[in-house]
Amino acid sequence: MSTDTRAAVTVNRRSSTPRPPQVGVQSTAGDKAVGITSHVVMAIWSLVVILPMLWTLLGSFKTTKEIFASPFGLPENWNFDNYISAWVENNFGGMFLNTVIVVGVALVSVMILGAMCAYVLARFSVPGSRIIYYLMLAGLTFPVFLAIVPLFMILQNMQLLGSLFGLIITYVAFALPFTVFFLFSFFKSLSYEIQEAAYMDGASEWRTFFTVMLPMAKPGMAAVAIMNFLGLWNQFLLPVALNPEKDNWVLSQGMAAYASSAGYALDFGQMFAAVMITIIPVLIVYVLFQRQLQGSVAQGTSK
């Protein structure tokens, strides 16, 4: 067979071979459609979140008359009179201080206790560790309002009812199951070789945990700290139920009491200023720790 004939046969075979479908082109088009759709949805959701916050911020610099006359207009005078009135006259300064103390102490306590508990359950074969872990998971499914009456009686018998310390230990108890559940997978995925190397260097269990293993779980710690902070800062039911004297302890409780007691004589400018005082710390915390939160999400998805 000549060379030309062989070439012709080869060309015919190649032409007769069915070509595979262009999966890459179709998947690329599908990815673009999904990307465009997700960006549109996120843009709409961003407007839904940002516009009310911007409207509240502008309203905090207005008087009640200005708010009703021009709800979406700019304030005539940019002053902080509403913030000063809300902070001093309505005692939002004292409630802010109480909220910082309660949330700060509860957050530090629950992070330390939760990290230690999750580390032991994830890294050591302790008798009954699986049962303890499942009990922690069961605590996530227990509604808060079902525990109000027994919790009230327990704190009353401990003479902690109506105190900030009683509220702190209650916050710790309710935030602990979620913290353990979240950090369990992070400690479980850490390298055992590094832990054994620390033991070989003479490090004790406590030193290995605080100086070696805990810094390695920093992304998970940052993420669960932000989530716990948001939940504890916005807590409303527990302060109301555990405060028989009806004093306004924290900001969320004070906001509800202020809005319900004033009725139609409510100063909306002061109320908007009080709302901004309540949400600004949350925004600051998120802006400061958003890199750690994004890193923890990326690390969790990669695993």
Protein backbone atom coordinates (compact mmCIF):
# COMPACT_ATOMS: atom_id res chain seq x y z
CA MET A 1 0.00 0.00 0.00
CA SER A 2 1.42 3.34 -1.02
CA THR A 3 2.03 6.24 1.27
CA ASP A 4 -0.83 8.32 -0.25
CA THR A 5 -3.28 5.47 0.26
CA ARG A 6 -2.29 5.03 3.88
CA ALA A 7 -2.71 8.76 4.48
CA ALA A 8 -6.16 8.71 2.88
CA VAL A 9 -7.26 5.76 5.04
CA THR A 10 -6.01 7.53 8.18
CA VAL A 11 -7.91 10.69 7.28
CA ASN A 12 -11.11 8.69 6.65
CA ARG A 13 -10.79 6.92 10.02
CA ARG A 14 -10.28 10.21 11.85
CA SER A 15 -13.25 11.80 10.10
CA SER A 16 -15.49 8.84 10.88
CA THR A 17 -14.56 8.81 14.58
CA PRO A 18 -17.35 10.55 16.55
CA ARG A 19 -16.22 13.68 18.31
CA PRO A 20 -16.90 13.92 22.04
CA PRO A 21 -19.39 16.56 23.10
CA GLN A 22 -17.91 19.91 24.10
CA VAL A 23 -18.48 19.51 27.79
CA GLY A 24 -16.04 22.25 28.65
CA VAL A 25 -17.95 24.88 26.69
CA GLN A 26 -21.28 23.86 28.19
CA SER A 27 -19.93 23.77 31.73
CA THR A 28 -18.32 27.18 31.22
CA ALA A 29 -21.59 28.65 30.06
CA GLY A 30 -23.37 27.06 33.03
CA ASP A 31 -20.76 28.41 35.42
CA LYS A 32 -21.21 31.90 33.99
CA ALA A 33 -24.97 31.67 34.41
CA VAL A 34 -24.63 30.51 38.00
CA GLY A 35 -22.06 33.23 38.70
CA ILE A 36 -24.22 35.98 37.24
CA THR A 37 -27.29 34.74 39.13
CA SER A 38 -25.43 34.51 42.42
CA HIS A 39 -23.97 38.01 41.99
CA VAL A 40 -27.41 39.45 41.24
CA VAL A 41 -28.92 37.74 44.29
CA MET A 42 -26.06 38.93 46.50
CA ALA A 43 -26.41 42.48 45.16
CA ILE A 44 -30.15 42.48 45.95
CA TRP A 45 -29.49 41.05 49.40
CA SER A 46 -26.82 43.68 50.03
CA LEU A 47 -29.30 46.44 49.18
CA VAL A 48 -31.90 44.87 51.48
CA VAL A 49 -29.39 44.96 54.35
CA ILE A 50 -27.56 48.21 53.64
CA LEU A 51 -30.46 50.52 52.76
CA PRO A 52 -32.35 50.12 56.09
CA MET A 53 -29.10 50.62 58.00
CA LEU A 54 -28.33 53.75 55.97
CA TRP A 55 -31.86 55.05 56.54
CA THR A 56 -31.50 54.44 60.29
CA LEU A 57 -28.14 56.20 60.33
CA LEU A 58 -29.57 59.27 58.60
CA GLY A 59 -32.61 59.23 60.89
CA SER A 60 -30.37 59.25 63.96
CA PHE A 61 -29.27 62.80 63.04
CA LYS A 62 -32.83 64.08 62.52
CA THR A 63 -35.63 65.20 64.76
CA THR A 64 -38.95 63.39 64.79
CA LYS A 65 -40.50 66.21 62.77
CA GLU A 66 -37.79 65.90 60.10
CA ILE A 67 -38.22 62.13 59.90
CA PHE A 68 -41.95 62.41 59.18
CA ALA A 69 -41.53 65.40 56.86
CA SER A 70 -38.67 63.95 54.80
CA PRO A 71 -38.03 60.29 55.67
CA PHE A 72 -35.42 59.75 52.96
CA GLY A 73 -33.84 63.20 52.88
CA LEU A 74 -30.63 64.35 54.46
CA PRO A 75 -30.78 65.93 57.92
CA GLU A 76 -30.71 69.70 58.14
CA ASN A 77 -28.17 69.72 60.98
CA TRP A 78 -25.56 67.03 61.43
CA ASN A 79 -25.23 66.95 65.21
CA PHE A 80 -25.02 64.29 67.89
CA ASP A 81 -27.82 65.56 70.12
CA ASN A 82 -29.84 62.38 69.69
CA TYR A 83 -26.84 60.24 70.60
CA ILE A 84 -26.11 62.33 73.69
CA SER A 85 -29.74 62.22 74.79
CA ALA A 86 -30.00 58.46 74.26
CA TRP A 87 -26.66 57.86 76.01
CA VAL A 88 -27.33 60.05 79.05
CA GLU A 89 -31.06 60.63 79.51
CA ASN A 90 -32.21 57.12 78.64
CA ASN A 91 -29.24 55.42 80.38
CA PHE A 92 -28.02 53.65 77.25
CA GLY A 93 -24.50 54.39 78.47
CA GLY A 94 -25.02 52.25 81.56
CA MET A 95 -26.71 49.51 79.56
CA PHE A 96 -23.87 49.59 77.04
CA LEU A 97 -21.33 49.13 79.84
CA ASN A 98 -23.34 46.23 81.31
CA THR A 99 -23.60 44.61 77.89
CA VAL A 100 -19.86 44.91 77.29
CA ILE A 101 -19.09 43.38 80.71
CA VAL A 102 -21.57 40.52 80.42
CA VAL A 103 -20.80 39.66 76.80
CA GLY A 104 -17.03 40.11 77.21
CA VAL A 105 -16.70 37.91 80.29
CA ALA A 106 -19.12 35.30 78.93
CA LEU A 107 -17.38 35.22 75.55
CA VAL A 108 -13.89 34.76 77.00
CA SER A 109 -15.14 32.10 79.40
CA VAL A 110 -17.05 30.11 76.81
CA MET A 111 -14.18 30.24 74.32
CA ILE A 112 -11.67 28.91 76.86
CA LEU A 113 -13.97 26.23 78.26
CA GLY A 114 -15.32 25.27 74.84
CA ALA A 115 -11.86 24.98 73.30
CA MET A 116 -10.60 22.81 76.17
CA CYS A 117 -13.66 20.57 76.04
CA ALA A 118 -13.54 20.20 72.26
CA TYR A 119 -9.79 19.47 72.37
CA VAL A 120 -10.18 16.66 74.90
CA LEU A 121 -13.16 15.12 73.12
CA ALA A 122 -11.42 15.27 69.73
CA ARG A 123 -7.87 14.22 70.64
CA PHE A 124 -8.15 11.78 73.56
CA SER A 125 -9.94 8.48 74.11
CA VAL A 126 -11.72 9.42 77.33
CA PRO A 127 -14.31 6.96 78.71
CA GLY A 128 -17.74 8.32 77.87
CA SER A 129 -16.38 11.00 75.52
CA ARG A 130 -18.79 10.01 72.78
CA ILE A 131 -21.73 10.27 75.16
CA ILE A 132 -20.57 13.69 76.34
CA TYR A 133 -20.26 14.85 72.73
CA TYR A 134 -23.78 13.68 71.90
CA LEU A 135 -25.10 15.41 75.00
CA MET A 136 -23.47 18.59 73.75
CA LEU A 137 -25.23 18.12 70.42
CA ALA A 138 -28.50 17.56 72.25
CA GLY A 139 -28.00 20.91 73.95
CA LEU A 140 -28.15 22.58 70.53
CA THR A 141 -31.66 21.25 69.97
CA PHE A 142 -32.99 22.42 73.34
CA PRO A 143 -35.03 25.63 73.01
CA VAL A 144 -34.15 28.44 75.38
CA PHE A 145 -37.70 29.21 76.46
CA LEU A 146 -38.20 25.66 77.77
CA ALA A 147 -35.39 26.19 80.28
CA ILE A 148 -36.58 29.55 81.59
CA VAL A 149 -38.61 28.26 84.56
CA PRO A 150 -36.07 25.70 85.89
CA LEU A 151 -33.26 28.18 85.22
CA PHE A 152 -35.13 30.83 87.18
CA MET A 153 -35.51 28.47 90.14
CA ILE A 154 -31.86 27.36 90.02
CA LEU A 155 -30.50 30.91 90.00
CA GLN A 156 -32.94 31.87 92.75
CA ASN A 157 -31.73 29.02 94.96
CA MET A 158 -28.12 30.02 94.22
CA GLN A 159 -28.97 33.64 95.12
CA LEU A 160 -27.77 34.76 91.70
CA LEU A 161 -31.12 35.86 90.34
CA GLY A 162 -31.05 39.48 89.21
CA SER A 163 -27.25 39.66 89.12
CA LEU A 164 -24.88 40.12 86.23
CA PHE A 165 -22.85 37.10 87.34
CA GLY A 166 -25.92 34.88 87.11
CA LEU A 167 -26.56 36.21 83.61
CA ILE A 168 -22.93 35.55 82.63
CA ILE A 169 -22.93 31.90 83.67
CA THR A 170 -26.27 31.45 81.90
CA TYR A 171 -24.80 32.86 78.69
CA VAL A 172 -21.82 30.53 79.03
CA ALA A 173 -24.05 27.50 79.55
CA PHE A 174 -26.15 28.18 76.47
CA ALA A 175 -23.21 29.06 74.20
CA LEU A 176 -21.00 26.14 75.25
CA PRO A 177 -22.65 23.35 73.15
CA PHE A 178 -22.33 25.28 69.90
CA THR A 179 -18.71 26.18 70.67
CA VAL A 180 -17.76 22.57 71.36
CA PHE A 181 -19.58 21.34 68.27
CA PHE A 182 -17.89 23.91 66.03
CA LEU A 183 -14.35 23.47 67.38
CA PHE A 184 -14.51 19.67 67.56
CA SER A 185 -13.87 19.22 63.83
CA PHE A 186 -10.99 21.74 63.86
CA PHE A 187 -9.12 19.97 66.65
CA LYS A 188 -9.92 16.59 65.10
CA SER A 189 -8.24 17.56 61.82
CA LEU A 190 -5.00 18.87 63.37
CA SER A 191 -1.82 16.88 62.85
CA TYR A 192 -1.02 14.29 65.49
CA GLU A 193 2.68 14.43 64.58
CA ILE A 194 2.95 18.01 65.86
CA GLN A 195 1.31 17.02 69.13
CA GLU A 196 3.71 14.07 69.54
CA ALA A 197 6.67 16.32 68.72
CA ALA A 198 5.62 18.69 71.50
CA TYR A 199 5.47 15.77 73.92
CA MET A 200 8.94 14.63 72.86
CA ASP A 201 10.28 18.14 73.53
CA GLY A 202 9.05 17.85 77.10
CA ALA A 203 5.90 19.96 76.84
CA SER A 204 3.09 19.14 79.25
CA GLU A 205 -0.54 18.68 78.25
CA TRP A 206 -1.40 22.24 79.22
CA ARG A 207 1.55 23.76 77.40
CA THR A 208 0.90 21.64 74.30
CA PHE A 209 -2.69 22.82 74.22
CA PHE A 210 -2.12 26.55 74.81
CA THR A 211 1.11 27.05 72.86
CA VAL A 212 0.84 24.50 70.03
CA MET A 213 -2.66 23.20 69.35
CA LEU A 214 -4.76 26.26 70.21
CA PRO A 215 -2.87 28.63 67.84
CA MET A 216 -3.33 26.07 65.05
CA ALA A 217 -7.10 26.28 65.57
CA LYS A 218 -7.08 30.09 65.38
CA PRO A 219 -9.37 30.32 62.28
CA GLY A 220 -12.03 28.21 63.96
CA MET A 221 -11.68 30.14 67.21
CA ALA A 222 -12.16 33.44 65.38
CA ALA A 223 -15.24 32.21 63.53
CA VAL A 224 -17.00 30.77 66.56
CA ALA A 225 -16.06 33.85 68.62
CA ILE A 226 -17.80 36.13 66.10
CA MET A 227 -20.88 33.92 66.04
CA ASN A 228 -21.05 33.74 69.82
CA PHE A 229 -20.55 37.49 70.08
CA LEU A 230 -23.49 38.16 67.77
CA GLY A 231 -25.73 35.74 69.64
CA LEU A 232 -24.83 37.03 73.10
CA TRP A 233 -24.94 40.71 72.14
CA ASN A 234 -28.45 40.39 70.69
CA GLN A 235 -29.79 38.20 73.51
CA PHE A 236 -33.14 39.44 74.80
CA LEU A 237 -35.17 36.63 76.38
CA LEU A 238 -32.70 35.63 79.09
CA PRO A 239 -32.13 39.15 80.53
CA VAL A 240 -35.87 39.77 80.66
CA ALA A 241 -36.69 36.43 82.32
CA LEU A 242 -33.81 36.53 84.81
CA ASN A 243 -34.41 40.11 85.93
CA PRO A 244 -37.41 40.21 88.28
CA GLU A 245 -36.68 43.82 89.26
CA LYS A 246 -37.47 44.90 85.67
CA ASP A 247 -34.33 47.01 85.44
CA ASN A 248 -32.86 47.45 81.99
CA TRP A 249 -29.61 45.49 82.01
CA VAL A 250 -28.47 45.24 78.43
CA LEU A 251 -28.99 47.20 75.22
CA SER A 252 -31.46 44.88 73.53
CA GLN A 253 -33.63 44.85 76.64
CA GLY A 254 -33.39 48.62 76.98
CA MET A 255 -34.32 49.15 73.34
CA ALA A 256 -37.50 47.08 73.70
CA ALA A 257 -38.46 48.81 76.95
CA TYR A 258 -37.83 52.26 75.49
CA ALA A 259 -39.83 51.60 72.32
CA SER A 260 -42.80 50.07 74.17
CA SER A 261 -43.04 52.57 77.04
CA ALA A 262 -43.04 55.77 74.98
CA GLY A 263 -46.00 54.87 72.76
CA TYR A 264 -46.91 57.57 70.26
CA ALA A 265 -44.73 60.12 72.09
CA LEU A 266 -41.62 58.25 71.04
CA ASP A 267 -38.68 60.36 69.93
CA PHE A 268 -37.73 58.53 66.75
CA GLY A 269 -34.46 60.40 66.38
CA GLN A 270 -33.30 59.17 69.79
CA MET A 271 -34.57 55.69 69.04
CA PHE A 272 -32.58 55.55 65.77
CA ALA A 273 -29.52 56.79 67.65
CA ALA A 274 -30.02 54.06 70.25
CA VAL A 275 -30.29 51.49 67.45
CA MET A 276 -27.00 52.69 65.98
CA ILE A 277 -25.36 52.50 69.42
CA THR A 278 -26.53 48.89 69.60
CA ILE A 279 -25.36 47.73 66.17
CA ILE A 280 -22.11 49.72 65.74
CA PRO A 281 -20.07 47.40 68.04
CA VAL A 282 -21.23 44.40 66.01
CA LEU A 283 -20.12 46.05 62.78
CA ILE A 284 -16.75 46.98 64.28
CA VAL A 285 -16.13 43.42 65.48
CA TYR A 286 -17.05 41.97 62.11
CA VAL A 287 -14.83 44.41 60.19
CA LEU A 288 -11.87 43.66 62.46
CA PHE A 289 -12.23 39.88 62.28
CA GLN A 290 -13.65 39.33 58.80
CA ARG A 291 -10.30 38.01 57.50
CA GLN A 292 -10.21 35.34 60.18
CA LEU A 293 -13.82 34.43 59.44
CA GLN A 294 -13.17 34.09 55.73
CA GLY A 295 -10.02 32.06 56.43
CA SER A 296 -11.92 29.65 58.65
CA VAL A 297 -14.61 29.14 56.02
CA ALA A 298 -11.99 28.51 53.32
CA GLN A 299 -10.12 26.10 55.57
CA GLY A 300 -13.29 24.24 56.43
CA THR A 301 -14.30 23.84 52.80
CA SER A 302 -10.83 22.66 51.77
CA LYS A 303 -10.96 19.88 54.35
